[in-house]
Amino acid sequence: MARRRDKLVAATDTSLPPFRTFLRLDCLIISVSLRSLDLMFIRLKKQINEPPSYKEALLYHFWHKAMLEEFSALQKQHTWSLVSLPPAKNAIGCKWVFKVKRNSDGIIASSGYLLSQSKYANDILLKAGLSSCKPCSSPIFVKPSTPPNASLPFSNPALYRSIVGALQYLIITRPNLSVFVNQAYQFMHAPTIGNFVAVKRILKFVQGTLTHGLSFSPSTFDVNGYSYSNWVGDVHDRKSTFGYCVFFGSNLVS
């Protein structure tokens, strides 16, 4: 995904036939060839799973948002008042029940969809031993500081490869991490301590953005592609880099 939109070069093809609208949750990636342009589309399952518990619902942004809206509505309507429990009386328990609202034809009632991999991201953090780490605001160090042993080999290269490999699948819904994950991928053969420190920084950023993902909303069938090149711009090896992104209407799909 390009960082500077002012240098993007657009390529548009509006000859797409109408496509069916797909719903979320778990994603299946399919590649569609359109003339000379290869596009990645995300086909989403029609069935949205209803979480069986409050704890599981918190892993998904859309359920969490629905809970906040419901609780706010109850407070505004003064549904209850807090009082002291009378003697010899038991409090009535309560629990959250999660149901998907559907129209009469069975289609989920919604004007937009969010594709998120919150649970998958949590699993990666758990594998790295960072499930309770303190989140950070960026996936890279704003003021890089090299630890004294940064150039020494990392003691567990298998763990490094496993985590970075898993992050490669996370960027399906988190394209903003692509550059940083691909940089980490370049050191899979012989990672150093410094490389693993950089990966931990990415994971700490993921910790603070677990509910982030790709947002899909009703839009046009226009396809717009943007690319950006940075010739010999790498300060370490002077290699050239480039990025691209493809929008299906106003929705980012690749």
Protein backbone atom coordinates (compact mmCIF):
# COMPACT_ATOMS: atom_id res chain seq x y z
CA MET A 1 0.00 0.00 0.00
CA ALA A 2 1.58 3.28 -1.10
CA ARG A 3 2.40 5.89 1.50
CA ARG A 4 2.17 9.05 -0.61
CA ARG A 5 -0.98 9.49 -2.65
CA ASP A 6 0.40 12.60 -4.43
CA LYS A 7 2.83 10.44 -6.41
CA LEU A 8 0.42 7.65 -7.27
CA VAL A 9 -0.25 6.69 -10.85
CA ALA A 10 -3.85 5.63 -11.50
CA ALA A 11 -5.01 2.94 -13.87
CA THR A 12 -8.76 2.53 -14.18
CA ASP A 13 -10.94 -0.10 -15.82
CA THR A 14 -14.70 0.44 -15.55
CA SER A 15 -15.74 -2.47 -17.77
CA LEU A 16 -16.46 -4.83 -14.88
CA PRO A 17 -19.75 -6.75 -14.97
CA PRO A 18 -21.97 -6.54 -11.87
CA PHE A 19 -20.61 -8.62 -9.01
CA ARG A 20 -22.54 -10.28 -6.23
CA THR A 21 -22.17 -8.68 -2.80
CA PHE A 22 -20.39 -10.99 -0.39
CA LEU A 23 -20.72 -10.96 3.36
CA ARG A 24 -18.16 -11.74 6.01
CA LEU A 25 -16.73 -13.50 8.21
CA ASP A 26 -13.95 -15.99 7.50
CA CYS A 27 -12.22 -15.14 4.25
CA LEU A 28 -11.32 -17.12 1.17
CA ILE A 29 -8.90 -15.41 -1.18
CA ILE A 30 -9.45 -15.89 -4.90
CA SER A 31 -7.51 -14.41 -7.81
CA VAL A 32 -9.50 -12.98 -10.73
CA SER A 33 -7.81 -12.11 -14.00
CA LEU A 34 -9.29 -9.06 -15.72
CA ARG A 35 -7.53 -8.45 -19.03
CA SER A 36 -3.95 -7.64 -18.05
CA LEU A 37 -4.80 -6.79 -14.45
CA ASP A 38 -4.71 -9.52 -11.80
CA LEU A 39 -6.94 -8.60 -8.89
CA MET A 40 -7.38 -10.22 -5.51
CA PHE A 41 -10.94 -10.39 -4.33
CA ILE A 42 -12.06 -11.39 -0.89
CA ARG A 43 -15.07 -13.65 -0.90
CA LEU A 44 -16.74 -13.71 2.45
CA LYS A 45 -19.03 -16.32 3.92
CA LYS A 46 -22.70 -15.47 4.26
CA GLN A 47 -22.84 -16.94 7.74
CA ILE A 48 -21.67 -14.69 10.56
CA ASN A 49 -20.95 -16.74 13.66
CA GLU A 50 -22.84 -15.75 16.79
CA PRO A 51 -20.40 -15.77 19.73
CA PRO A 52 -21.48 -18.02 22.61
CA SER A 53 -19.92 -15.84 25.30
CA TYR A 54 -19.12 -12.24 26.24
CA LYS A 55 -15.38 -13.00 26.23
CA GLU A 56 -15.41 -14.27 22.65
CA ALA A 57 -17.60 -11.39 21.45
CA LEU A 58 -14.98 -8.90 22.65
CA LEU A 59 -12.54 -10.32 20.08
CA TYR A 60 -14.61 -8.85 17.24
CA HIS A 61 -14.95 -5.15 16.61
CA PHE A 62 -18.51 -5.28 15.26
CA TRP A 63 -19.88 -7.25 18.24
CA HIS A 64 -18.08 -4.95 20.68
CA LYS A 65 -19.54 -1.91 18.94
CA ALA A 66 -23.05 -3.43 19.03
CA MET A 67 -22.71 -4.06 22.78
CA LEU A 68 -21.69 -0.46 23.45
CA GLU A 69 -24.61 0.86 21.40
CA GLU A 70 -27.08 -1.43 23.18
CA PHE A 71 -25.79 -0.50 26.64
CA SER A 72 -25.85 3.21 25.77
CA ALA A 73 -29.49 2.92 24.60
CA LEU A 74 -30.51 1.21 27.85
CA GLN A 75 -28.92 3.99 29.88
CA LYS A 76 -30.56 6.77 27.84
CA GLN A 77 -33.96 5.14 28.25
CA HIS A 78 -33.46 4.77 32.04
CA THR A 79 -34.27 1.06 31.78
CA TRP A 80 -33.13 0.45 35.35
CA SER A 81 -32.09 2.21 38.55
CA LEU A 82 -29.37 1.13 40.93
CA VAL A 83 -30.75 0.37 44.41
CA SER A 84 -29.60 -1.53 47.48
CA LEU A 85 -30.48 -5.24 47.52
CA PRO A 86 -33.39 -5.79 49.97
CA PRO A 87 -32.79 -8.21 52.87
CA ALA A 88 -33.36 -11.92 52.13
CA LYS A 89 -33.59 -11.25 48.40
CA ASN A 90 -31.40 -12.68 45.64
CA ALA A 91 -30.20 -10.64 42.69
CA ILE A 92 -31.42 -11.79 39.28
CA GLY A 93 -28.54 -12.75 37.02
CA CYS A 94 -28.19 -11.58 33.45
CA LYS A 95 -26.04 -12.37 30.42
CA TRP A 96 -25.35 -11.11 26.92
CA VAL A 97 -27.06 -13.01 24.08
CA PHE A 98 -25.69 -12.35 20.59
CA LYS A 99 -27.93 -12.69 17.55
CA VAL A 100 -27.47 -11.60 13.94
CA LYS A 101 -30.27 -9.34 12.70
CA ARG A 102 -31.58 -10.48 9.32
CA ASN A 103 -34.11 -9.19 6.82
CA SER A 104 -37.20 -11.22 5.87
CA ASP A 105 -35.26 -12.83 2.99
CA GLY A 106 -32.54 -14.08 5.34
CA ILE A 107 -29.93 -11.52 4.27
CA ILE A 108 -28.01 -9.88 7.10
CA ALA A 109 -29.27 -6.37 7.72
CA SER A 110 -26.30 -4.04 7.39
CA SER A 111 -24.98 -1.18 5.29
CA GLY A 112 -21.32 -2.12 5.55
CA TYR A 113 -18.94 -4.87 6.60
CA LEU A 114 -15.63 -5.14 8.38
CA LEU A 115 -13.20 -7.94 7.56
CA SER A 116 -11.06 -8.51 10.64
CA GLN A 117 -8.69 -11.24 11.85
CA SER A 118 -8.80 -10.42 15.55
CA LYS A 119 -8.71 -14.00 16.77
CA TYR A 120 -5.89 -14.93 14.38
CA ALA A 121 -3.88 -11.91 15.55
CA ASN A 122 -4.44 -12.97 19.16
CA ASP A 123 -3.13 -16.44 18.33
CA ILE A 124 0.08 -14.93 16.89
CA LEU A 125 0.61 -12.86 20.03
CA LEU A 126 0.07 -15.95 22.16
CA LYS A 127 2.63 -17.90 20.12
CA ALA A 128 5.18 -15.10 20.60
CA GLY A 129 4.47 -14.85 24.34
CA LEU A 130 3.17 -11.30 23.95
CA SER A 131 -0.54 -11.78 24.60
CA SER A 132 -0.42 -9.34 27.52
CA CYS A 133 2.26 -6.98 26.19
CA LYS A 134 1.93 -3.21 26.30
CA PRO A 135 0.74 -1.92 22.89
CA CYS A 136 2.63 0.74 20.96
CA SER A 137 1.41 3.40 18.54
CA SER A 138 3.53 2.49 15.49
CA PRO A 139 4.92 -0.73 13.95
CA ILE A 140 8.46 0.68 13.79
CA PHE A 141 10.67 2.60 16.18
CA VAL A 142 10.29 6.36 15.72
CA LYS A 143 13.80 6.86 17.10
CA PRO A 144 15.68 3.65 16.27
CA SER A 145 18.07 2.50 18.98
CA THR A 146 20.24 -0.52 18.22
CA PRO A 147 20.78 -2.87 21.19
CA PRO A 148 24.43 -3.84 21.84
CA ASN A 149 23.81 -7.45 20.80
CA ALA A 150 21.65 -6.62 17.78
CA SER A 151 23.98 -8.31 15.29
CA LEU A 152 24.19 -11.60 17.20
CA PRO A 153 22.17 -14.59 15.87
CA PHE A 154 18.72 -15.00 17.37
CA SER A 155 18.66 -18.08 19.60
CA ASN A 156 15.34 -19.42 18.25
CA PRO A 157 15.23 -18.93 14.46
CA ALA A 158 12.34 -21.42 14.15
CA LEU A 159 10.16 -19.15 16.31
CA TYR A 160 11.16 -16.14 14.21
CA ARG A 161 10.20 -17.91 10.98
CA SER A 162 6.91 -19.13 12.45
CA ILE A 163 5.84 -15.68 13.66
CA VAL A 164 6.87 -13.81 10.50
CA GLY A 165 5.24 -16.50 8.36
CA ALA A 166 2.00 -16.08 10.32
CA LEU A 167 2.17 -12.30 9.91
CA GLN A 168 2.26 -12.81 6.14
CA TYR A 169 -1.34 -14.04 6.37
CA LEU A 170 -2.41 -11.29 8.76
CA ILE A 171 -1.60 -8.61 6.18
CA ILE A 172 -4.52 -9.91 4.08
CA THR A 173 -6.72 -7.65 6.19
CA ARG A 174 -3.92 -5.40 7.47
CA PRO A 175 -2.17 -4.08 4.31
CA ASN A 176 -0.69 -1.23 6.36
CA LEU A 177 1.70 -3.80 7.86
CA SER A 178 2.91 -5.17 4.51
CA VAL A 179 6.12 -3.13 4.26
CA PHE A 180 7.27 -3.96 7.78
CA VAL A 181 6.39 -7.66 7.62
CA ASN A 182 8.12 -8.04 4.25
CA GLN A 183 11.23 -6.38 5.65
CA ALA A 184 11.26 -8.92 8.48
CA TYR A 185 10.75 -11.71 5.92
CA GLN A 186 14.07 -10.85 4.26
CA PHE A 187 15.96 -12.22 7.29
CA MET A 188 14.18 -15.57 7.59
CA HIS A 189 17.35 -17.56 6.74
CA ALA A 190 19.48 -16.16 9.59
CA PRO A 191 17.59 -13.78 11.91
CA THR A 192 19.50 -11.72 14.44
CA ILE A 193 18.45 -10.41 17.85
CA GLY A 194 17.92 -7.01 16.25
CA ASN A 195 15.58 -8.55 13.66
CA PHE A 196 13.48 -10.16 16.38
CA VAL A 197 13.29 -6.86 18.27
CA ALA A 198 11.81 -5.33 15.11
CA VAL A 199 9.26 -8.16 14.86
CA LYS A 200 8.26 -7.67 18.50
CA ARG A 201 7.62 -4.02 17.73
CA ILE A 202 5.20 -5.05 14.95
CA LEU A 203 3.43 -7.41 17.36
CA LYS A 204 3.07 -4.69 19.99
CA PHE A 205 1.42 -2.49 17.37
CA VAL A 206 -0.92 -5.37 16.47
CA GLN A 207 -1.81 -5.69 20.17
CA GLY A 208 -3.14 -2.15 20.17
CA THR A 209 -5.06 -2.51 16.89
CA LEU A 210 -6.65 -5.96 17.24
CA THR A 211 -10.05 -4.76 16.04
CA HIS A 212 -8.70 -3.09 12.89
CA GLY A 213 -9.38 -4.55 9.46
CA LEU A 214 -10.74 -3.84 5.99
CA SER A 215 -14.03 -1.98 5.80
CA PHE A 216 -16.43 -2.73 2.93
CA SER A 217 -19.40 -0.54 2.03
CA PRO A 218 -21.79 -0.27 -0.95
CA SER A 219 -19.98 1.39 -3.82
CA THR A 220 -19.50 1.52 -7.59
CA PHE A 221 -17.99 -1.22 -9.75
CA ASP A 222 -15.00 0.92 -10.81
CA VAL A 223 -11.57 -0.64 -10.41
CA ASN A 224 -8.71 1.73 -9.60
CA GLY A 225 -5.08 0.71 -9.23
CA TYR A 226 -2.32 2.85 -7.74
CA SER A 227 1.43 2.28 -7.67
CA TYR A 228 4.41 3.98 -6.09
CA SER A 229 8.12 3.43 -6.71
CA ASN A 230 11.13 4.35 -4.61
CA TRP A 231 14.25 3.79 -6.69
CA VAL A 232 17.40 2.79 -4.74
CA GLY A 233 15.75 4.22 -1.65
CA ASP A 234 16.80 1.62 0.93
CA VAL A 235 19.42 3.24 3.16
CA HIS A 236 21.01 -0.13 3.98
CA ASP A 237 21.42 -1.91 0.63
CA ARG A 238 20.24 0.76 -1.87
CA LYS A 239 17.61 -1.58 -3.28
CA SER A 240 14.53 -0.24 -5.02
CA THR A 241 11.08 -0.78 -3.55
CA PHE A 242 7.60 -0.30 -4.88
CA GLY A 243 4.05 -0.63 -3.65
CA TYR A 244 0.59 -0.88 -5.12
CA CYS A 245 -3.03 -1.01 -4.05
CA VAL A 246 -6.27 -1.82 -5.85
CA PHE A 247 -9.68 -0.37 -5.01
CA PHE A 248 -13.00 -1.89 -6.03
CA GLY A 249 -15.12 1.25 -5.91
CA SER A 250 -14.19 2.84 -2.59
CA ASN A 251 -13.14 -0.51 -1.05
CA LEU A 252 -9.53 -1.63 -0.81
CA VAL A 253 -9.25 -5.24 -2.07
CA SER A 254 -5.52 -5.73 -2.67
